[in-house]
Structures are given as C-alpha cells and as structure tokens.
Amino acid sequence: MLFMINHQLCKEYPALSPYDIDVKTYASVIDLYCDVRKIQIKTKVNTDDKGEQIIRKKAGDDWF
C-alpha cells in the first residue's frame, strides 16, 4: 500500500523522488497523500475512453 501511495505522489509531483518520501514519517506521507487526493477529487474532469473531456449539463425540463 505504501508503495502505491509513494508512486502516486511521485507521479503527481515529478520533482519529488521516492527517496525524499522515504525520509519523511509515515504520518506526514499519509497527510500529504490525503491532501493530494482531496484536490484531485475536487478538480476531477470527466474524460471518455479516448481521453477527451466530457461536458455534462444538469438535466432540465426539456431535452435541448
């Protein structure tokens, strides 16, 4: 599990190396990962299989 967290953090922040994360405490790594996931979920953009953005609109009374 820690390897996956380490991988995600290094993928999100390319300047951060696995060695930098190994020096930090477990609690600080988990806190950093939680903050990163909150931001990712908040700013998530839906994409289709081809990687193109999907624009979703709230359904109204009509179809157009």
N, C-alpha and C. Protein backbone atom coordinates (compact mmCIF):
# COMPACT_ATOMS: atom_id res chain seq x y z
N MET A 1 0.82 -1.19 0.00
CA MET A 1 0.00 0.00 0.00
C MET A 1 0.87 1.26 0.00
N LEU A 2 1.91 1.26 0.81
CA LEU A 2 2.77 2.43 0.87
C LEU A 2 3.48 2.65 -0.47
N PHE A 3 3.79 1.57 -1.17
CA PHE A 3 4.41 1.70 -2.49
C PHE A 3 3.47 2.42 -3.45
N MET A 4 2.18 2.08 -3.42
CA MET A 4 1.21 2.72 -4.31
C MET A 4 1.07 4.21 -3.98
N ILE A 5 1.06 4.54 -2.70
CA ILE A 5 0.98 5.94 -2.29
C ILE A 5 2.23 6.69 -2.75
N ASN A 6 3.38 6.05 -2.56
CA ASN A 6 4.64 6.64 -2.99
C ASN A 6 4.63 6.89 -4.50
N HIS A 7 4.14 5.92 -5.26
CA HIS A 7 4.06 6.05 -6.71
C HIS A 7 3.13 7.18 -7.13
N GLN A 8 1.97 7.27 -6.50
CA GLN A 8 1.01 8.32 -6.83
C GLN A 8 1.59 9.70 -6.56
N LEU A 9 2.25 9.86 -5.42
CA LEU A 9 2.82 11.16 -5.07
C LEU A 9 3.94 11.55 -6.05
N CYS A 10 4.77 10.59 -6.41
CA CYS A 10 5.86 10.89 -7.35
C CYS A 10 5.33 11.16 -8.75
N LYS A 11 4.21 10.53 -9.10
CA LYS A 11 3.60 10.77 -10.41
C LYS A 11 2.96 12.16 -10.44
N GLU A 12 2.35 12.56 -9.33
CA GLU A 12 1.70 13.87 -9.26
C GLU A 12 2.73 15.00 -9.19
N TYR A 13 3.80 14.78 -8.46
CA TYR A 13 4.86 15.78 -8.31
C TYR A 13 6.18 15.18 -8.82
N PRO A 14 6.53 15.39 -10.08
CA PRO A 14 7.74 14.78 -10.65
C PRO A 14 9.04 15.20 -9.95
N ALA A 15 9.07 16.36 -9.31
CA ALA A 15 10.27 16.79 -8.61
C ALA A 15 10.48 16.01 -7.31
N LEU A 16 9.46 15.32 -6.85
CA LEU A 16 9.53 14.54 -5.62
C LEU A 16 10.00 13.13 -5.96
N SER A 17 11.06 12.69 -5.32
CA SER A 17 11.59 11.35 -5.61
C SER A 17 11.18 10.38 -4.50
N PRO A 18 11.20 9.09 -4.77
CA PRO A 18 10.88 8.11 -3.73
C PRO A 18 11.81 8.22 -2.52
N TYR A 19 13.04 8.64 -2.75
CA TYR A 19 13.98 8.80 -1.64
C TYR A 19 13.56 9.93 -0.72
N ASP A 20 13.00 11.00 -1.28
CA ASP A 20 12.50 12.10 -0.46
C ASP A 20 11.35 11.65 0.43
N ILE A 21 10.51 10.80 -0.10
CA ILE A 21 9.36 10.32 0.66
C ILE A 21 9.79 9.35 1.74
N ASP A 22 10.81 8.53 1.48
CA ASP A 22 11.29 7.57 2.47
C ASP A 22 11.85 8.25 3.71
N VAL A 23 12.36 9.47 3.57
CA VAL A 23 12.93 10.20 4.70
C VAL A 23 11.82 10.70 5.63
N LYS A 24 10.66 10.97 5.10
CA LYS A 24 9.55 11.52 5.88
C LYS A 24 8.90 10.44 6.74
N THR A 25 8.18 10.87 7.76
CA THR A 25 7.46 9.92 8.61
C THR A 25 6.23 9.40 7.88
N TYR A 26 5.75 8.26 8.33
CA TYR A 26 4.57 7.64 7.72
C TYR A 26 3.36 8.58 7.81
N ALA A 27 3.18 9.22 8.96
CA ALA A 27 2.03 10.11 9.17
C ALA A 27 2.07 11.30 8.22
N SER A 28 3.25 11.87 8.00
CA SER A 28 3.33 13.03 7.11
C SER A 28 3.09 12.64 5.65
N VAL A 29 3.51 11.43 5.27
CA VAL A 29 3.26 10.94 3.91
C VAL A 29 1.76 10.72 3.70
N ILE A 30 1.09 10.14 4.69
CA ILE A 30 -0.36 9.91 4.59
C ILE A 30 -1.10 11.24 4.53
N ASP A 31 -0.69 12.22 5.35
CA ASP A 31 -1.32 13.54 5.31
C ASP A 31 -1.16 14.19 3.94
N LEU A 32 0.03 14.11 3.38
CA LEU A 32 0.28 14.67 2.05
C LEU A 32 -0.58 13.98 1.00
N TYR A 33 -0.67 12.65 1.08
CA TYR A 33 -1.47 11.90 0.12
C TYR A 33 -2.95 12.26 0.24
N CYS A 34 -3.45 12.42 1.45
CA CYS A 34 -4.86 12.80 1.66
C CYS A 34 -5.14 14.16 1.05
N ASP A 35 -4.22 15.11 1.25
CA ASP A 35 -4.41 16.44 0.69
C ASP A 35 -4.40 16.40 -0.84
N VAL A 36 -3.49 15.61 -1.40
CA VAL A 36 -3.43 15.50 -2.86
C VAL A 36 -4.71 14.87 -3.41
N ARG A 37 -5.21 13.82 -2.78
CA ARG A 37 -6.44 13.16 -3.25
C ARG A 37 -7.64 14.09 -3.14
N LYS A 38 -7.72 14.90 -2.08
CA LYS A 38 -8.83 15.85 -1.95
C LYS A 38 -8.83 16.83 -3.12
N ILE A 39 -7.65 17.32 -3.47
CA ILE A 39 -7.54 18.26 -4.59
C ILE A 39 -7.88 17.57 -5.91
N GLN A 40 -7.42 16.34 -6.10
CA GLN A 40 -7.72 15.61 -7.33
C GLN A 40 -9.21 15.36 -7.47
N ILE A 41 -9.87 14.98 -6.41
CA ILE A 41 -11.30 14.70 -6.46
C ILE A 41 -12.07 15.99 -6.70
N LYS A 42 -11.65 17.08 -6.08
CA LYS A 42 -12.34 18.35 -6.24
C LYS A 42 -12.23 18.89 -7.66
N THR A 43 -11.10 18.65 -8.32
CA THR A 43 -10.87 19.21 -9.65
C THR A 43 -10.96 18.16 -10.76
N LYS A 44 -11.59 17.02 -10.49
CA LYS A 44 -11.65 15.95 -11.47
C LYS A 44 -12.46 16.37 -12.70
N VAL A 45 -11.91 16.07 -13.85
CA VAL A 45 -12.59 16.32 -15.12
C VAL A 45 -12.91 14.97 -15.73
N ASN A 46 -14.15 14.76 -16.07
CA ASN A 46 -14.55 13.50 -16.68
C ASN A 46 -14.01 13.41 -18.09
N THR A 47 -13.48 12.24 -18.44
CA THR A 47 -12.98 12.01 -19.80
C THR A 47 -13.58 10.72 -20.33
N ASP A 48 -13.66 10.64 -21.65
CA ASP A 48 -14.15 9.41 -22.26
C ASP A 48 -12.96 8.48 -22.51
N ASP A 49 -13.19 7.37 -23.21
CA ASP A 49 -12.14 6.38 -23.45
C ASP A 49 -10.99 6.93 -24.29
N LYS A 50 -11.26 7.92 -25.11
CA LYS A 50 -10.22 8.49 -25.96
C LYS A 50 -9.44 9.58 -25.25
N GLY A 51 -9.80 9.91 -24.02
CA GLY A 51 -9.12 10.94 -23.27
C GLY A 51 -9.65 12.34 -23.51
N GLU A 52 -10.76 12.45 -24.22
CA GLU A 52 -11.35 13.75 -24.49
C GLU A 52 -12.30 14.12 -23.35
N GLN A 53 -12.37 15.41 -23.07
CA GLN A 53 -13.23 15.86 -21.97
C GLN A 53 -14.70 15.72 -22.31
N ILE A 54 -15.49 15.38 -21.31
CA ILE A 54 -16.92 15.25 -21.46
C ILE A 54 -17.57 16.40 -20.70
N ILE A 55 -18.43 17.12 -21.38
CA ILE A 55 -19.15 18.22 -20.74
C ILE A 55 -20.52 17.70 -20.34
N ARG A 56 -20.79 17.75 -19.07
CA ARG A 56 -22.09 17.28 -18.58
C ARG A 56 -22.91 18.49 -18.13
N LYS A 57 -24.18 18.47 -18.52
CA LYS A 57 -25.08 19.53 -18.12
C LYS A 57 -26.17 18.95 -17.23
N LYS A 58 -26.64 19.77 -16.34
CA LYS A 58 -27.72 19.36 -15.47
C LYS A 58 -29.00 19.17 -16.32
N ALA A 59 -29.71 18.09 -16.05
CA ALA A 59 -30.94 17.81 -16.80
C ALA A 59 -32.00 18.84 -16.48
N GLY A 60 -32.70 19.27 -17.49
CA GLY A 60 -33.75 20.26 -17.32
C GLY A 60 -35.10 19.66 -17.68
N ASP A 61 -36.06 20.52 -17.95
CA ASP A 61 -37.39 20.06 -18.32
C ASP A 61 -37.45 19.56 -19.75
N ASP A 62 -36.57 20.07 -20.60
CA ASP A 62 -36.59 19.64 -21.99
C ASP A 62 -35.28 18.90 -22.33
N TRP A 63 -35.22 18.34 -23.50
CA TRP A 63 -34.06 17.57 -23.91
C TRP A 63 -33.01 18.43 -24.60
N PHE A 64 -33.32 19.70 -24.87
CA PHE A 64 -32.40 20.53 -25.64
C PHE A 64 -31.85 21.65 -24.82
